[in-house]
Amino acid sequence: MKNSIILFILLTAVTTAQSNHNSLQQLKSEIKNEQNISINSQSPIIDLPVQSKKSVGLGVVYSLLLPGMGELYADSYGSGKYFTIADGILWGTLIGMNVYTDWKTANYKSYAESKAGVDNTEKDATYYARIGEYNSLESYNNEKALERNFDEMYLNKSYSWEWNSIEERRTYRDIWSASEQTKNDIRFVVGGLILNRIASAINAARLVTSYNNSLEEEVSWNFSVGFANQPNLPTSLTFNFLTSL
């Protein structure tokens, strides 16, 4: 009986030890598989794409359309804003000068009609220039006849005019001159608009080129974290940095 009990105890111990050993082996195998999965399936945490280069031609086109926009495209609007402001001022000046010219033109035509009996129907700019130089149609035609410039004479009565005094004619001449001077000045404003666009386009091309030169080579970064399991060493945390051109 005693021997039977001892034998039962020994068999139980052996069975338990074998079971514990198998469980330990299974646990180690599962841990190893998980570590391998962690290493092999490292997922990127950070992916930073590099900025692409910009088109110089596109920057030039933007500035030609609206000065300063090419600089904005090149991320350098600090200098471009002055071209935009200048463009706004020039456009405002152009509109104002056109309004002033139209007002002066209507003014001298109205004055000629009331003071010299001018018929403003279908008269060209040359006619309005001539009536400011001569007191009447008769004096004008007589001078052209003496010069034998018959083609420049006005034979139609609808072109007739006659100033009541030299002072009235001079007053008309002053109003007409102010209108014509403003018309001439408009050309300078238009030229300023064109030059402002050209200057902005050149500046935009320079800034876009500088922007492209400042970019590093197109590299994408990949950052990952995992666990490394090495024989006879404890499990460690790993960091991986990958670059691709």
Protein backbone atom coordinates (compact mmCIF):
# COMPACT_ATOMS: atom_id res chain seq x y z
CA MET A 1 0.00 0.00 0.00
CA LYS A 2 2.77 2.41 0.88
CA ASN A 3 4.63 1.58 -2.30
CA SER A 4 1.49 2.26 -4.32
CA ILE A 5 1.11 5.74 -2.84
CA ILE A 6 4.75 6.58 -3.54
CA LEU A 7 4.39 5.39 -7.13
CA PHE A 8 1.23 7.51 -7.59
CA ILE A 9 3.03 10.60 -6.29
CA LEU A 10 5.96 10.05 -8.63
CA LEU A 11 3.67 9.61 -11.64
CA THR A 12 1.75 12.77 -10.76
CA ALA A 13 4.96 14.79 -10.43
CA VAL A 14 6.28 13.54 -13.74
CA THR A 15 3.00 14.34 -15.49
CA THR A 16 2.83 17.83 -13.96
CA ALA A 17 6.43 18.58 -14.89
CA GLN A 18 5.82 17.42 -18.44
CA SER A 19 2.70 19.59 -18.65
CA ASN A 20 4.53 22.65 -17.32
CA HIS A 21 7.36 22.10 -19.75
CA ASN A 22 4.96 21.93 -22.69
CA SER A 23 3.18 25.10 -21.52
CA LEU A 24 6.47 26.94 -21.16
CA GLN A 25 7.55 25.89 -24.65
CA GLN A 26 4.24 27.00 -26.11
CA LEU A 27 4.50 30.38 -24.35
CA LYS A 28 8.02 30.97 -25.63
CA SER A 29 6.92 30.06 -29.15
CA GLU A 30 4.01 32.54 -29.01
CA ILE A 31 6.25 35.34 -27.72
CA LYS A 32 8.78 34.70 -30.45
CA ASN A 33 6.08 34.76 -33.13
CA GLU A 34 4.73 38.05 -31.81
CA GLN A 35 8.22 39.58 -31.80
CA ASN A 36 8.81 38.45 -35.39
CA ILE A 37 5.47 39.90 -36.40
CA SER A 38 6.40 43.22 -34.72
CA ILE A 39 9.69 43.40 -36.60
CA ASN A 40 8.32 42.30 -39.96
CA SER A 41 5.18 44.45 -39.84
CA GLN A 42 6.63 47.74 -38.71
CA SER A 43 4.29 50.43 -39.97
CA PRO A 44 5.38 54.00 -40.81
CA ILE A 45 4.49 56.60 -38.25
CA ILE A 46 5.78 59.72 -40.04
CA ASP A 47 5.81 60.26 -43.82
CA LEU A 48 6.95 63.74 -44.85
CA PRO A 49 6.93 64.36 -48.62
CA VAL A 50 9.34 66.97 -49.94
CA GLN A 51 7.86 70.09 -51.60
CA SER A 52 8.00 70.08 -55.39
CA LYS A 53 9.64 72.78 -57.47
CA LYS A 54 7.61 75.62 -58.97
CA SER A 55 7.36 76.80 -62.57
CA VAL A 56 9.23 79.99 -63.46
CA GLY A 57 7.01 80.48 -66.51
CA LEU A 58 3.86 80.26 -64.42
CA GLY A 59 5.21 82.86 -62.02
CA VAL A 60 5.93 85.20 -64.94
CA VAL A 61 2.40 84.75 -66.35
CA TYR A 62 0.86 85.49 -62.94
CA SER A 63 2.81 88.76 -62.67
CA LEU A 64 1.92 89.81 -66.19
CA LEU A 65 -1.76 89.31 -65.40
CA LEU A 66 -1.60 91.00 -61.99
CA PRO A 67 1.71 92.39 -60.66
CA GLY A 68 2.68 90.79 -57.36
CA MET A 69 0.90 87.47 -57.95
CA GLY A 70 4.07 85.88 -59.31
CA GLU A 71 5.85 86.81 -56.08
CA LEU A 72 2.93 85.37 -54.09
CA TYR A 73 3.27 82.15 -56.09
CA ALA A 74 6.97 82.07 -55.12
CA ASP A 75 6.04 82.50 -51.42
CA SER A 76 7.70 85.95 -51.40
CA TYR A 77 4.83 88.42 -51.46
CA GLY A 78 6.82 90.76 -49.23
CA SER A 79 8.28 92.44 -52.32
CA GLY A 80 5.36 91.61 -54.60
CA LYS A 81 2.87 93.69 -52.63
CA TYR A 82 4.57 96.89 -53.80
CA PHE A 83 3.91 95.95 -57.43
CA THR A 84 0.27 95.25 -56.58
CA ILE A 85 -0.08 98.60 -54.81
CA ALA A 86 1.58 100.41 -57.73
CA ASP A 87 -0.77 98.69 -60.16
CA GLY A 88 -3.80 99.79 -58.15
CA ILE A 89 -2.58 103.39 -58.04
CA LEU A 90 -1.90 103.43 -61.79
CA TRP A 91 -5.33 102.02 -62.60
CA GLY A 92 -6.96 104.58 -60.33
CA THR A 93 -4.99 107.35 -62.04
CA LEU A 94 -5.93 106.06 -65.49
CA ILE A 95 -9.63 105.96 -64.67
CA GLY A 96 -9.51 109.41 -63.12
CA MET A 97 -7.70 110.89 -66.11
CA ASN A 98 -10.17 109.38 -68.55
CA VAL A 99 -13.08 110.83 -66.58
CA TYR A 100 -11.35 114.23 -66.50
CA THR A 101 -10.65 114.11 -70.25
CA ASP A 102 -14.26 113.26 -71.08
CA TRP A 103 -15.44 116.11 -68.87
CA LYS A 104 -13.05 118.60 -70.49
CA THR A 105 -14.01 117.43 -73.99
CA ALA A 106 -17.70 117.92 -73.28
CA ASN A 107 -16.83 121.29 -71.75
CA TYR A 108 -14.94 122.74 -74.73
CA LYS A 109 -17.53 121.42 -77.20
CA SER A 110 -20.33 123.03 -75.22
CA TYR A 111 -18.36 126.29 -74.98
CA ALA A 112 -17.69 126.32 -78.75
CA GLU A 113 -21.34 125.71 -79.47
CA SER A 114 -22.56 128.54 -77.23
CA LYS A 115 -19.84 131.13 -78.02
CA ALA A 116 -18.92 130.45 -81.65
CA GLY A 117 -22.07 128.80 -83.04
CA VAL A 118 -20.28 125.48 -83.69
CA ASP A 119 -22.37 122.51 -84.83
CA ASN A 120 -20.85 119.53 -82.94
CA THR A 121 -22.41 116.91 -85.22
CA GLU A 122 -19.79 114.54 -86.70
CA LYS A 123 -16.76 116.76 -86.16
CA ASP A 124 -13.30 115.24 -85.78
CA ALA A 125 -10.45 116.18 -83.42
CA THR A 126 -8.66 118.18 -86.14
CA TYR A 127 -11.64 120.49 -86.53
CA TYR A 128 -11.73 121.32 -82.82
CA ALA A 129 -8.01 122.07 -82.90
CA ARG A 130 -8.40 124.49 -85.84
CA ILE A 131 -11.31 126.51 -84.46
CA GLY A 132 -9.09 127.45 -81.52
CA GLU A 133 -6.53 128.96 -83.91
CA TYR A 134 -8.81 131.09 -86.08
CA ASN A 135 -11.55 133.59 -85.24
CA SER A 136 -13.89 132.35 -87.96
CA LEU A 137 -14.35 129.88 -90.79
CA GLU A 138 -13.84 132.70 -93.32
CA SER A 139 -10.43 133.68 -91.94
CA TYR A 140 -9.39 130.04 -91.91
CA ASN A 141 -10.45 129.35 -95.51
CA ASN A 142 -8.81 132.56 -96.75
CA GLU A 143 -5.48 131.52 -95.25
CA LYS A 144 -5.69 128.03 -96.75
CA ALA A 145 -6.55 129.50 -100.13
CA LEU A 146 -3.48 131.71 -100.00
CA GLU A 147 -1.38 128.70 -99.08
CA ARG A 148 -3.08 126.83 -101.96
CA ASN A 149 -4.10 124.08 -99.52
CA PHE A 150 -7.54 123.73 -100.99
CA ASP A 151 -8.00 120.21 -99.66
CA GLU A 152 -7.92 121.54 -96.09
CA MET A 153 -10.66 124.11 -96.64
CA TYR A 154 -14.14 123.69 -95.12
CA LEU A 155 -16.73 124.37 -97.80
CA ASN A 156 -19.72 122.96 -95.97
CA LYS A 157 -21.68 125.51 -93.94
CA SER A 158 -22.08 122.99 -91.10
CA TYR A 159 -18.39 123.65 -90.30
CA SER A 160 -18.96 127.35 -89.79
CA TRP A 161 -17.82 129.14 -86.61
CA GLU A 162 -17.10 132.68 -85.48
CA TRP A 163 -15.84 133.86 -82.11
CA ASN A 164 -17.23 137.05 -80.64
CA SER A 165 -13.80 138.05 -79.30
CA ILE A 166 -10.21 136.92 -79.10
CA GLU A 167 -10.63 136.35 -75.36
CA GLU A 168 -13.40 133.82 -75.95
CA ARG A 169 -11.27 132.00 -78.48
CA ARG A 170 -8.35 131.89 -76.04
CA THR A 171 -10.60 130.62 -73.27
CA TYR A 172 -11.75 127.84 -75.58
CA ARG A 173 -8.13 127.12 -76.47
CA ASP A 174 -7.19 126.74 -72.80
CA ILE A 175 -10.02 124.27 -72.16
CA TRP A 176 -9.15 122.30 -75.29
CA SER A 177 -5.42 122.26 -74.41
CA ALA A 178 -6.12 120.93 -70.91
CA SER A 179 -8.13 118.06 -72.40
CA GLU A 180 -5.46 117.22 -74.97
CA GLN A 181 -2.67 117.37 -72.40
CA THR A 182 -4.50 114.89 -70.22
CA LYS A 183 -4.96 112.58 -73.22
CA ASN A 184 -1.22 112.69 -73.83
CA ASP A 185 -0.48 112.00 -70.17
CA ILE A 186 -2.70 108.89 -70.28
CA ARG A 187 -0.12 107.27 -72.54
CA PHE A 188 2.50 107.59 -69.79
CA VAL A 189 0.15 105.94 -67.30
CA VAL A 190 -0.47 103.06 -69.72
CA GLY A 191 3.29 102.76 -70.17
CA GLY A 192 3.65 102.64 -66.38
CA LEU A 193 1.16 99.78 -66.19
CA ILE A 194 3.15 97.83 -68.77
CA LEU A 195 6.53 98.53 -67.14
CA ASN A 196 5.16 97.57 -63.71
CA ARG A 197 4.10 94.19 -65.09
CA ILE A 198 7.44 93.59 -66.77
CA ALA A 199 9.34 94.49 -63.59
CA SER A 200 7.10 92.24 -61.49
CA ALA A 201 7.52 89.37 -63.98
CA ILE A 202 11.32 89.67 -63.83
CA ASN A 203 11.23 89.78 -60.04
CA ALA A 204 8.88 86.78 -59.91
CA ALA A 205 11.19 84.75 -62.17
CA ARG A 206 14.12 85.56 -59.88
CA LEU A 207 12.19 84.60 -56.74
CA VAL A 208 10.83 81.34 -58.17
CA THR A 209 14.35 80.38 -59.25
CA SER A 210 15.64 81.19 -55.78
CA TYR A 211 12.82 79.15 -54.24
CA ASN A 212 13.67 76.12 -56.39
CA ASN A 213 17.37 76.39 -55.58
CA SER A 214 16.61 76.40 -51.87
CA LEU A 215 14.76 73.11 -52.01
CA GLU A 216 16.65 70.02 -51.00
CA GLU A 217 16.61 66.91 -53.17
CA GLU A 218 13.21 65.30 -53.27
CA VAL A 219 13.42 62.84 -50.37
CA SER A 220 10.62 61.12 -48.50
CA TRP A 221 11.27 60.09 -44.89
CA ASN A 222 9.83 56.96 -43.25
CA PHE A 223 10.04 56.47 -39.49
CA SER A 224 9.01 53.18 -37.82
CA VAL A 225 9.20 51.55 -34.39
CA GLY A 226 9.48 47.84 -33.58
CA PHE A 227 10.78 45.18 -31.16
CA ALA A 228 14.00 43.26 -31.76
CA ASN A 229 14.52 39.77 -30.31
CA GLN A 230 18.12 38.61 -30.22
CA PRO A 231 19.37 35.27 -28.79
CA ASN A 232 20.65 35.41 -25.21
CA LEU A 233 19.68 39.12 -24.98
CA PRO A 234 16.57 40.80 -23.62
CA THR A 235 13.95 42.17 -26.00
CA SER A 236 14.74 45.76 -27.14
CA LEU A 237 12.88 48.63 -28.82
CA THR A 238 14.12 49.58 -32.33
CA PHE A 239 13.79 52.80 -34.37
CA ASN A 240 14.18 52.73 -38.16
CA PHE A 241 14.70 55.70 -40.50
CA LEU A 242 14.30 55.07 -44.24
CA THR A 243 14.88 57.54 -47.06
CA SER A 244 13.99 57.23 -50.72
CA LEU A 245 15.08 59.54 -53.59
